[in-house]
Amino acid sequence: MKTNRDTVKFFGLDPINIVQSPKGGFFQDVALRSSGKNDWQTPPELFEILNNHFHFECDVTASHENRLCNKYFTEEHSCLGNSNWTPMNYMNPPYGRNIRFFIEKAYQQYTDKGHATVALLPVRTGTKWFHNYIYNKADILFLKGRVWFYDNQGRLPNASPFDSMIVSWGIDLKGLEEKL
């Protein structure tokens, strides 16, 4: 990956996190900003509220270590492709550049099969995936404050560097805001 030193100098950004897109533009990859990881576990207290409200059947973006439902997909057995999701799904996808594939799949599961998905996502209202699969196509609840994610050692020492939202396809978010 290339970095644009003038962009880095002008904005005062960490050159490690400035990368060039395939189209030639430069951006700061804040999802990987603090550690190089993009697969943080949903905070258990947040998932408990969501699960009590929605009664999830499957965690479609899990690992064996951080699964939140008895049924789950992993990176090895991916939810992408020809997989069949359950009627009520939870998703906290990897927040890297491939997030769009997970969001597109959740949207397709709803439009093609009527399967509902509730997702914890970073707020990225300027992206194509937001406009193609979320805006005017899903319910959105913007979370107040920053989410404190977990890794396999427990809660991280700092809140995420970005705002988060709960997005749902096929199920209403009414009544959830009062619980969060």
N, C-alpha and C. Protein backbone atom coordinates (compact mmCIF):
# COMPACT_ATOMS: atom_id res chain seq x y z
N MET A 1 0.84 -1.18 0.00
CA MET A 1 0.00 0.00 0.00
C MET A 1 0.87 1.24 0.00
N LYS A 2 0.44 2.23 -0.71
CA LYS A 2 1.15 3.49 -0.75
C LYS A 2 0.56 4.45 0.27
N THR A 3 1.36 5.37 0.73
CA THR A 3 0.83 6.47 1.54
C THR A 3 1.15 7.77 0.84
N ASN A 4 0.34 8.74 1.05
CA ASN A 4 0.55 10.06 0.49
C ASN A 4 1.11 10.92 1.61
N ARG A 5 2.43 11.13 1.59
CA ARG A 5 3.10 11.86 2.68
C ARG A 5 2.58 13.27 2.84
N ASP A 6 2.23 13.94 1.73
CA ASP A 6 1.69 15.30 1.85
C ASP A 6 0.34 15.29 2.57
N THR A 7 -0.51 14.31 2.25
CA THR A 7 -1.80 14.18 2.93
C THR A 7 -1.58 13.92 4.40
N VAL A 8 -0.65 13.03 4.71
CA VAL A 8 -0.34 12.70 6.10
C VAL A 8 0.13 13.94 6.84
N LYS A 9 1.06 14.70 6.23
CA LYS A 9 1.60 15.89 6.86
C LYS A 9 0.52 16.96 7.04
N PHE A 10 -0.31 17.18 6.02
CA PHE A 10 -1.35 18.20 6.07
C PHE A 10 -2.36 17.91 7.18
N PHE A 11 -2.85 16.67 7.25
CA PHE A 11 -3.86 16.33 8.24
C PHE A 11 -3.29 15.90 9.58
N GLY A 12 -1.98 15.70 9.65
CA GLY A 12 -1.36 15.28 10.90
C GLY A 12 -1.75 13.87 11.29
N LEU A 13 -1.94 13.00 10.33
CA LEU A 13 -2.41 11.65 10.59
C LEU A 13 -1.26 10.66 10.64
N ASP A 14 -1.51 9.54 11.26
CA ASP A 14 -0.54 8.46 11.35
C ASP A 14 -0.35 7.84 9.97
N PRO A 15 0.87 7.88 9.39
CA PRO A 15 1.06 7.37 8.03
C PRO A 15 0.79 5.88 7.90
N ILE A 16 0.81 5.14 8.97
CA ILE A 16 0.53 3.71 8.89
C ILE A 16 -0.93 3.48 8.50
N ASN A 17 -1.79 4.38 8.89
CA ASN A 17 -3.22 4.20 8.66
C ASN A 17 -3.74 4.90 7.42
N ILE A 18 -2.88 5.59 6.68
CA ILE A 18 -3.31 6.23 5.45
C ILE A 18 -2.99 5.26 4.31
N VAL A 19 -4.02 4.85 3.60
CA VAL A 19 -3.82 3.89 2.51
C VAL A 19 -4.46 4.41 1.24
N GLN A 20 -3.95 3.92 0.12
CA GLN A 20 -4.49 4.34 -1.17
C GLN A 20 -5.52 3.33 -1.63
N SER A 21 -6.67 3.84 -2.03
CA SER A 21 -7.73 2.98 -2.54
C SER A 21 -7.38 2.53 -3.95
N PRO A 22 -8.04 1.48 -4.47
CA PRO A 22 -7.78 1.04 -5.84
C PRO A 22 -8.04 2.13 -6.88
N LYS A 23 -8.89 3.11 -6.53
CA LYS A 23 -9.20 4.19 -7.47
C LYS A 23 -8.21 5.35 -7.35
N GLY A 24 -7.23 5.25 -6.45
CA GLY A 24 -6.20 6.27 -6.36
C GLY A 24 -6.36 7.27 -5.24
N GLY A 25 -7.54 7.31 -4.58
CA GLY A 25 -7.74 8.24 -3.47
C GLY A 25 -7.05 7.74 -2.21
N PHE A 26 -6.93 8.60 -1.24
CA PHE A 26 -6.31 8.23 0.03
C PHE A 26 -7.33 8.34 1.14
N PHE A 27 -7.25 7.43 2.10
CA PHE A 27 -8.17 7.47 3.22
C PHE A 27 -7.46 6.95 4.46
N GLN A 28 -8.01 7.28 5.62
CA GLN A 28 -7.49 6.77 6.87
C GLN A 28 -8.37 5.62 7.31
N ASP A 29 -7.80 4.46 7.45
CA ASP A 29 -8.56 3.27 7.82
C ASP A 29 -8.72 3.22 9.33
N VAL A 30 -9.73 3.93 9.86
CA VAL A 30 -9.91 4.03 11.30
C VAL A 30 -10.39 2.74 11.94
N ALA A 31 -10.99 1.84 11.17
CA ALA A 31 -11.43 0.57 11.76
C ALA A 31 -10.24 -0.24 12.24
N LEU A 32 -9.09 -0.04 11.61
CA LEU A 32 -7.90 -0.78 12.00
C LEU A 32 -6.93 0.10 12.78
N ARG A 33 -7.37 1.26 13.14
CA ARG A 33 -6.51 2.29 13.69
C ARG A 33 -5.72 1.88 14.93
N SER A 34 -6.36 1.23 15.88
CA SER A 34 -5.69 1.04 17.15
C SER A 34 -4.91 -0.26 17.27
N SER A 35 -5.26 -1.29 16.48
CA SER A 35 -4.59 -2.55 16.73
C SER A 35 -4.37 -3.41 15.50
N GLY A 36 -4.92 -3.04 14.38
CA GLY A 36 -4.79 -3.88 13.21
C GLY A 36 -5.86 -4.96 13.13
N LYS A 37 -6.73 -5.05 14.13
CA LYS A 37 -7.83 -6.02 14.11
C LYS A 37 -9.10 -5.36 13.62
N ASN A 38 -10.00 -6.18 13.06
CA ASN A 38 -11.29 -5.62 12.65
C ASN A 38 -12.44 -6.55 13.05
N ASP A 39 -12.18 -7.45 13.99
CA ASP A 39 -13.19 -8.44 14.37
C ASP A 39 -13.45 -8.42 15.88
N TRP A 40 -13.95 -7.30 16.34
CA TRP A 40 -14.19 -7.14 17.77
C TRP A 40 -15.51 -7.76 18.18
N GLN A 41 -15.53 -8.32 19.39
CA GLN A 41 -16.73 -8.96 19.91
C GLN A 41 -17.73 -7.92 20.41
N THR A 42 -18.99 -8.18 20.16
CA THR A 42 -20.06 -7.33 20.67
C THR A 42 -20.01 -7.33 22.20
N PRO A 43 -20.16 -6.17 22.83
CA PRO A 43 -20.21 -6.14 24.29
C PRO A 43 -21.37 -7.02 24.79
N PRO A 44 -21.12 -7.92 25.74
CA PRO A 44 -22.17 -8.81 26.22
C PRO A 44 -23.42 -8.08 26.72
N GLU A 45 -23.24 -6.94 27.37
CA GLU A 45 -24.39 -6.21 27.89
C GLU A 45 -25.25 -5.66 26.75
N LEU A 46 -24.65 -5.25 25.66
CA LEU A 46 -25.41 -4.79 24.50
C LEU A 46 -26.11 -5.97 23.82
N PHE A 47 -25.40 -7.08 23.65
CA PHE A 47 -26.03 -8.24 23.02
C PHE A 47 -27.20 -8.76 23.86
N GLU A 48 -27.08 -8.73 25.17
CA GLU A 48 -28.17 -9.20 26.04
C GLU A 48 -29.44 -8.39 25.81
N ILE A 49 -29.29 -7.08 25.70
CA ILE A 49 -30.45 -6.22 25.43
C ILE A 49 -31.05 -6.56 24.07
N LEU A 50 -30.20 -6.67 23.06
CA LEU A 50 -30.68 -6.98 21.71
C LEU A 50 -31.33 -8.36 21.65
N ASN A 51 -30.69 -9.34 22.25
CA ASN A 51 -31.22 -10.71 22.21
C ASN A 51 -32.53 -10.84 22.98
N ASN A 52 -32.66 -10.16 24.12
CA ASN A 52 -33.92 -10.19 24.86
C ASN A 52 -35.06 -9.55 24.06
N HIS A 53 -34.71 -8.60 23.22
CA HIS A 53 -35.71 -7.91 22.40
C HIS A 53 -36.06 -8.71 21.13
N PHE A 54 -35.06 -9.35 20.51
CA PHE A 54 -35.26 -9.99 19.20
C PHE A 54 -35.24 -11.52 19.21
N HIS A 55 -34.62 -12.14 20.20
CA HIS A 55 -34.55 -13.61 20.28
C HIS A 55 -33.85 -14.21 19.05
N PHE A 56 -32.56 -13.93 18.92
CA PHE A 56 -31.78 -14.38 17.78
C PHE A 56 -31.62 -15.89 17.74
N GLU A 57 -31.59 -16.42 16.53
CA GLU A 57 -31.35 -17.85 16.31
C GLU A 57 -29.91 -18.13 15.89
N CYS A 58 -29.28 -17.16 15.22
CA CYS A 58 -27.96 -17.41 14.64
C CYS A 58 -27.10 -16.15 14.67
N ASP A 59 -25.82 -16.34 15.01
CA ASP A 59 -24.81 -15.29 14.92
C ASP A 59 -24.08 -15.55 13.60
N VAL A 60 -24.32 -14.72 12.60
CA VAL A 60 -23.81 -15.03 11.26
C VAL A 60 -22.36 -14.60 11.03
N THR A 61 -21.77 -13.87 11.97
CA THR A 61 -20.37 -13.44 11.82
C THR A 61 -19.63 -13.66 13.13
N ALA A 62 -19.40 -14.90 13.46
CA ALA A 62 -18.80 -15.25 14.74
C ALA A 62 -17.49 -16.00 14.54
N SER A 63 -16.87 -16.29 15.66
CA SER A 63 -15.77 -17.25 15.71
C SER A 63 -16.18 -18.27 16.77
N HIS A 64 -15.44 -19.35 16.86
CA HIS A 64 -15.77 -20.35 17.89
C HIS A 64 -15.63 -19.74 19.29
N GLU A 65 -14.72 -18.77 19.42
CA GLU A 65 -14.45 -18.17 20.73
C GLU A 65 -15.46 -17.10 21.12
N ASN A 66 -16.02 -16.37 20.14
CA ASN A 66 -16.88 -15.24 20.52
C ASN A 66 -18.34 -15.39 20.06
N ARG A 67 -18.76 -16.57 19.71
CA ARG A 67 -20.14 -16.77 19.25
C ARG A 67 -21.13 -16.35 20.33
N LEU A 68 -22.25 -15.83 19.87
CA LEU A 68 -23.26 -15.33 20.80
C LEU A 68 -24.56 -16.13 20.74
N CYS A 69 -24.67 -17.03 19.78
CA CYS A 69 -25.85 -17.87 19.63
C CYS A 69 -25.39 -19.33 19.49
N ASN A 70 -26.29 -20.25 19.75
CA ASN A 70 -25.95 -21.67 19.59
C ASN A 70 -25.64 -22.01 18.14
N LYS A 71 -26.38 -21.41 17.21
CA LYS A 71 -26.09 -21.57 15.79
C LYS A 71 -25.23 -20.38 15.38
N TYR A 72 -24.18 -20.64 14.59
CA TYR A 72 -23.32 -19.55 14.17
C TYR A 72 -22.50 -19.94 12.95
N PHE A 73 -22.08 -18.91 12.21
CA PHE A 73 -21.17 -19.07 11.09
C PHE A 73 -19.81 -18.53 11.52
N THR A 74 -18.75 -19.10 10.98
CA THR A 74 -17.39 -18.64 11.25
C THR A 74 -16.73 -18.23 9.94
N GLU A 75 -15.52 -17.75 10.03
CA GLU A 75 -14.77 -17.42 8.81
C GLU A 75 -14.57 -18.66 7.95
N GLU A 76 -14.33 -19.80 8.60
CA GLU A 76 -14.13 -21.06 7.87
C GLU A 76 -15.42 -21.56 7.23
N HIS A 77 -16.53 -21.41 7.91
CA HIS A 77 -17.85 -21.78 7.41
C HIS A 77 -18.66 -20.49 7.28
N SER A 78 -18.37 -19.76 6.22
CA SER A 78 -18.84 -18.39 6.06
C SER A 78 -20.34 -18.27 5.81
N CYS A 79 -20.89 -17.18 6.28
CA CYS A 79 -22.29 -16.85 6.01
C CYS A 79 -22.47 -16.30 4.61
N LEU A 80 -21.37 -15.99 3.94
CA LEU A 80 -21.45 -15.49 2.57
C LEU A 80 -21.59 -16.67 1.61
N GLY A 81 -21.88 -16.40 0.38
CA GLY A 81 -22.02 -17.49 -0.58
C GLY A 81 -23.41 -18.09 -0.53
N ASN A 82 -23.48 -19.42 -0.62
CA ASN A 82 -24.77 -20.12 -0.71
C ASN A 82 -25.33 -20.56 0.62
N SER A 83 -24.84 -20.03 1.70
CA SER A 83 -25.30 -20.45 3.03
C SER A 83 -26.75 -20.02 3.27
N ASN A 84 -27.46 -20.83 4.04
CA ASN A 84 -28.83 -20.51 4.43
C ASN A 84 -28.85 -19.97 5.84
N TRP A 85 -29.31 -18.75 5.98
CA TRP A 85 -29.41 -18.13 7.29
C TRP A 85 -30.72 -18.57 7.94
N THR A 86 -30.84 -18.33 9.23
CA THR A 86 -32.08 -18.65 9.94
C THR A 86 -33.05 -17.46 9.78
N PRO A 87 -34.30 -17.63 10.20
CA PRO A 87 -35.26 -16.52 10.09
C PRO A 87 -34.92 -15.29 10.95
N MET A 88 -34.12 -15.44 12.04
CA MET A 88 -33.78 -14.31 12.91
C MET A 88 -32.29 -14.34 13.23
N ASN A 89 -31.53 -13.37 12.68
CA ASN A 89 -30.07 -13.39 12.73
C ASN A 89 -29.49 -12.16 13.40
N TYR A 90 -28.31 -12.35 14.01
CA TYR A 90 -27.52 -11.25 14.56
C TYR A 90 -26.21 -11.17 13.78
N MET A 91 -25.75 -9.93 13.54
CA MET A 91 -24.52 -9.75 12.77
C MET A 91 -23.71 -8.58 13.32
N ASN A 92 -22.46 -8.84 13.66
CA ASN A 92 -21.46 -7.82 13.97
C ASN A 92 -20.27 -8.17 13.07
N PRO A 93 -20.31 -7.73 11.80
CA PRO A 93 -19.32 -8.17 10.83
C PRO A 93 -17.95 -7.53 11.05
N PRO A 94 -16.91 -8.11 10.44
CA PRO A 94 -15.61 -7.43 10.46
C PRO A 94 -15.75 -6.05 9.84
N TYR A 95 -15.16 -5.04 10.48
CA TYR A 95 -15.37 -3.66 10.06
C TYR A 95 -14.39 -3.18 9.00
N GLY A 96 -13.66 -4.04 8.38
CA GLY A 96 -12.72 -3.65 7.32
C GLY A 96 -13.44 -3.35 6.01
N ARG A 97 -12.68 -3.28 4.95
CA ARG A 97 -13.22 -2.90 3.64
C ARG A 97 -14.21 -3.92 3.09
N ASN A 98 -14.18 -5.16 3.57
CA ASN A 98 -15.10 -6.19 3.07
C ASN A 98 -16.44 -6.19 3.79
N ILE A 99 -16.68 -5.23 4.65
CA ILE A 99 -17.96 -5.17 5.38
C ILE A 99 -19.14 -5.14 4.43
N ARG A 100 -18.95 -4.54 3.27
CA ARG A 100 -20.05 -4.41 2.30
C ARG A 100 -20.62 -5.75 1.88
N PHE A 101 -19.79 -6.80 1.82
CA PHE A 101 -20.28 -8.11 1.41
C PHE A 101 -21.25 -8.70 2.44
N PHE A 102 -20.97 -8.47 3.72
CA PHE A 102 -21.84 -8.95 4.78
C PHE A 102 -23.16 -8.18 4.79
N ILE A 103 -23.06 -6.87 4.59
CA ILE A 103 -24.26 -6.04 4.58
C ILE A 103 -25.13 -6.38 3.37
N GLU A 104 -24.51 -6.58 2.23
CA GLU A 104 -25.26 -6.98 1.04
C GLU A 104 -25.95 -8.33 1.25
N LYS A 105 -25.25 -9.28 1.89
CA LYS A 105 -25.83 -10.60 2.15
C LYS A 105 -27.03 -10.50 3.09
N ALA A 106 -26.93 -9.69 4.14
CA ALA A 106 -28.06 -9.50 5.06
C ALA A 106 -29.25 -8.90 4.32
N TYR A 107 -29.00 -7.92 3.49
CA TYR A 107 -30.06 -7.31 2.69
C TYR A 107 -30.70 -8.34 1.76
N GLN A 108 -29.89 -9.16 1.10
CA GLN A 108 -30.40 -10.19 0.19
C GLN A 108 -31.18 -11.27 0.95
N GLN A 109 -30.73 -11.64 2.13
CA GLN A 109 -31.47 -12.63 2.92
C GLN A 109 -32.87 -12.12 3.24
N TYR A 110 -32.99 -10.82 3.48
CA TYR A 110 -34.30 -10.23 3.75
C TYR A 110 -35.14 -10.15 2.47
N THR A 111 -34.57 -9.59 1.41
CA THR A 111 -35.37 -9.38 0.20
C THR A 111 -35.69 -10.70 -0.52
N ASP A 112 -34.78 -11.66 -0.50
CA ASP A 112 -34.99 -12.92 -1.23
C ASP A 112 -35.72 -13.99 -0.41
N LYS A 113 -35.47 -14.02 0.90
CA LYS A 113 -35.99 -15.12 1.73
C LYS A 113 -36.84 -14.67 2.90
N GLY A 114 -36.90 -13.38 3.15
CA GLY A 114 -37.68 -12.87 4.27
C GLY A 114 -37.02 -13.09 5.63
N HIS A 115 -35.72 -13.39 5.64
CA HIS A 115 -35.00 -13.59 6.90
C HIS A 115 -34.58 -12.25 7.49
N ALA A 116 -34.86 -12.07 8.76
CA ALA A 116 -34.53 -10.82 9.45
C ALA A 116 -33.11 -10.87 9.99
N THR A 117 -32.44 -9.72 9.96
CA THR A 117 -31.11 -9.59 10.53
C THR A 117 -31.02 -8.26 11.26
N VAL A 118 -30.42 -8.29 12.44
CA VAL A 118 -30.11 -7.08 13.19
C VAL A 118 -28.59 -7.01 13.26
N ALA A 119 -28.04 -5.85 12.89
CA ALA A 119 -26.59 -5.72 12.79
C ALA A 119 -26.08 -4.56 13.62
N LEU A 120 -24.92 -4.77 14.24
CA LEU A 120 -24.16 -3.70 14.89
C LEU A 120 -23.12 -3.28 13.88
N LEU A 121 -23.20 -2.01 13.44
CA LEU A 121 -22.34 -1.53 12.36
C LEU A 121 -21.72 -0.18 12.70
N PRO A 122 -20.57 0.12 12.08
CA PRO A 122 -20.03 1.48 12.23
C PRO A 122 -20.89 2.44 11.41
N VAL A 123 -21.00 3.66 11.88
CA VAL A 123 -21.73 4.68 11.14
C VAL A 123 -20.84 5.14 9.99
N ARG A 124 -21.28 4.83 8.78
CA ARG A 124 -20.54 5.21 7.56
C ARG A 124 -21.56 5.66 6.51
N THR A 125 -22.18 6.81 6.76
CA THR A 125 -23.29 7.26 5.91
C THR A 125 -22.84 7.72 4.53
N GLY A 126 -21.58 7.88 4.30
CA GLY A 126 -21.09 8.29 2.99
C GLY A 126 -20.67 7.14 2.09
N THR A 127 -20.85 5.91 2.54
CA THR A 127 -20.41 4.77 1.75
C THR A 127 -21.48 4.29 0.79
N LYS A 128 -21.04 3.59 -0.24
CA LYS A 128 -22.00 3.00 -1.18
C LYS A 128 -22.85 1.95 -0.49
N TRP A 129 -22.25 1.14 0.39
CA TRP A 129 -23.04 0.10 1.05
C TRP A 129 -24.15 0.69 1.90
N PHE A 130 -23.91 1.83 2.53
CA PHE A 130 -24.95 2.46 3.33
C PHE A 130 -26.12 2.86 2.43
N HIS A 131 -25.82 3.48 1.30
CA HIS A 131 -26.89 3.95 0.41
C HIS A 131 -27.55 2.81 -0.37
N ASN A 132 -26.79 1.79 -0.73
CA ASN A 132 -27.35 0.67 -1.51
C ASN A 132 -28.18 -0.31 -0.69
N TYR A 133 -27.83 -0.52 0.57
CA TYR A 133 -28.45 -1.61 1.35
C TYR A 133 -29.09 -1.19 2.67
N ILE A 134 -28.88 0.06 3.10
CA ILE A 134 -29.41 0.48 4.40
C ILE A 134 -30.37 1.67 4.29
N TYR A 135 -29.91 2.75 3.72
CA TYR A 135 -30.70 3.98 3.66
C TYR A 135 -32.02 3.73 2.91
N ASN A 136 -33.13 3.99 3.57
CA ASN A 136 -34.49 3.76 3.04
C ASN A 136 -34.78 2.29 2.73
N LYS A 137 -33.96 1.37 3.24
CA LYS A 137 -34.17 -0.06 3.01
C LYS A 137 -34.16 -0.86 4.31
N ALA A 138 -33.78 -0.21 5.40
CA ALA A 138 -33.67 -0.87 6.70
C ALA A 138 -34.03 0.13 7.79
N ASP A 139 -34.29 -0.38 8.98
CA ASP A 139 -34.47 0.49 10.14
C ASP A 139 -33.08 0.79 10.71
N ILE A 140 -32.89 2.01 11.20
CA ILE A 140 -31.60 2.43 11.74
C ILE A 140 -31.80 3.07 13.09
N LEU A 141 -30.97 2.69 14.04
CA LEU A 141 -30.94 3.33 15.36
C LEU A 141 -29.49 3.71 15.63
N PHE A 142 -29.21 5.01 15.67
CA PHE A 142 -27.86 5.48 15.97
C PHE A 142 -27.65 5.42 17.47
N LEU A 143 -26.57 4.77 17.89
CA LEU A 143 -26.30 4.62 19.32
C LEU A 143 -25.69 5.90 19.87
N LYS A 144 -26.07 6.25 21.08
CA LYS A 144 -25.50 7.41 21.76
C LYS A 144 -24.21 6.97 22.44
N GLY A 145 -23.16 7.73 22.25
CA GLY A 145 -21.87 7.37 22.82
C GLY A 145 -21.17 6.32 21.97
N ARG A 146 -19.98 5.98 22.36
CA ARG A 146 -19.17 5.01 21.63
C ARG A 146 -19.29 3.64 22.29
N VAL A 147 -19.21 2.61 21.48
CA VAL A 147 -19.29 1.23 21.97
C VAL A 147 -17.92 0.80 22.49
N TRP A 148 -17.92 0.10 23.61
CA TRP A 148 -16.70 -0.48 24.18
C TRP A 148 -16.67 -1.95 23.79
N PHE A 149 -15.90 -2.27 22.76
CA PHE A 149 -15.84 -3.64 22.27
C PHE A 149 -14.98 -4.52 23.16
N TYR A 150 -15.04 -5.82 22.91
CA TYR A 150 -14.29 -6.82 23.66
C TYR A 150 -13.38 -7.60 22.71
N ASP A 151 -12.32 -8.18 23.26
CA ASP A 151 -11.55 -9.18 22.54
C ASP A 151 -11.54 -10.42 23.42
N ASN A 152 -10.74 -11.41 23.11
CA ASN A 152 -10.78 -12.65 23.90
C ASN A 152 -10.20 -12.49 25.30
N GLN A 153 -9.64 -11.33 25.62
CA GLN A 153 -9.12 -11.05 26.95
C GLN A 153 -10.11 -10.24 27.80
N GLY A 154 -11.19 -9.77 27.19
CA GLY A 154 -12.17 -8.96 27.92
C GLY A 154 -12.38 -7.61 27.27
N ARG A 155 -12.97 -6.67 28.02
CA ARG A 155 -13.29 -5.35 27.49
C ARG A 155 -12.01 -4.60 27.15
N LEU A 156 -12.04 -3.89 26.03
CA LEU A 156 -10.89 -3.10 25.60
C LEU A 156 -10.76 -1.85 26.46
N PRO A 157 -9.55 -1.33 26.56
CA PRO A 157 -9.33 -0.18 27.46
C PRO A 157 -9.92 1.13 26.96
N ASN A 158 -10.26 1.21 25.68
CA ASN A 158 -10.80 2.45 25.11
C ASN A 158 -12.04 2.15 24.28
N ALA A 159 -12.92 3.13 24.21
CA ALA A 159 -14.09 3.00 23.35
C ALA A 159 -13.65 3.01 21.89
N SER A 160 -14.51 2.53 21.02
CA SER A 160 -14.19 2.51 19.59
C SER A 160 -13.94 3.93 19.09
N PRO A 161 -13.14 4.08 18.04
CA PRO A 161 -12.86 5.42 17.50
C PRO A 161 -13.93 5.92 16.53
N PHE A 162 -15.09 5.27 16.49
CA PHE A 162 -16.15 5.63 15.56
C PHE A 162 -17.51 5.43 16.22
N ASP A 163 -18.52 6.11 15.68
CA ASP A 163 -19.89 5.93 16.15
C ASP A 163 -20.44 4.63 15.60
N SER A 164 -21.46 4.10 16.28
CA SER A 164 -22.08 2.83 15.86
C SER A 164 -23.58 2.99 15.69
N MET A 165 -24.15 2.05 14.94
CA MET A 165 -25.59 2.05 14.72
C MET A 165 -26.09 0.61 14.73
N ILE A 166 -27.36 0.46 15.10
CA ILE A 166 -28.05 -0.82 14.99
C ILE A 166 -28.91 -0.71 13.73
N VAL A 167 -28.76 -1.68 12.84
CA VAL A 167 -29.51 -1.70 11.59
C VAL A 167 -30.30 -3.00 11.54
N SER A 168 -31.55 -2.91 11.09
CA SER A 168 -32.34 -4.14 10.98
C SER A 168 -33.04 -4.21 9.64
N TRP A 169 -33.02 -5.40 9.09
CA TRP A 169 -33.77 -5.72 7.88
C TRP A 169 -34.82 -6.74 8.28
N GLY A 170 -36.08 -6.45 8.02
CA GLY A 170 -37.14 -7.43 8.24
C GLY A 170 -37.73 -7.45 9.63
N ILE A 171 -37.29 -6.57 10.50
CA ILE A 171 -37.86 -6.49 11.85
C ILE A 171 -37.74 -5.04 12.33
N ASP A 172 -38.74 -4.60 13.03
CA ASP A 172 -38.85 -3.22 13.49
C ASP A 172 -37.99 -2.99 14.73
N LEU A 173 -37.35 -1.84 14.81
CA LEU A 173 -36.54 -1.47 15.97
C LEU A 173 -37.33 -0.70 17.03
N LYS A 174 -38.63 -0.51 16.81
CA LYS A 174 -39.45 0.25 17.77
C LYS A 174 -39.35 -0.38 19.16
N GLY A 175 -39.22 0.48 20.15
CA GLY A 175 -39.14 0.04 21.54
C GLY A 175 -37.74 -0.28 22.00
N LEU A 176 -36.79 -0.38 21.07
CA LEU A 176 -35.42 -0.74 21.45
C LEU A 176 -34.67 0.44 22.05
N GLU A 177 -34.90 1.64 21.54
CA GLU A 177 -34.14 2.80 22.00
C GLU A 177 -34.28 3.03 23.49
N GLU A 178 -35.45 2.79 24.04
CA GLU A 178 -35.66 2.98 25.48
C GLU A 178 -34.85 1.99 26.31
N LYS A 179 -34.46 0.88 25.73
CA LYS A 179 -33.71 -0.16 26.45
C LYS A 179 -32.21 0.05 26.40
N LEU A 180 -31.75 0.86 25.45
CA LEU A 180 -30.31 1.06 25.29
C LEU A 180 -29.79 2.23 26.09
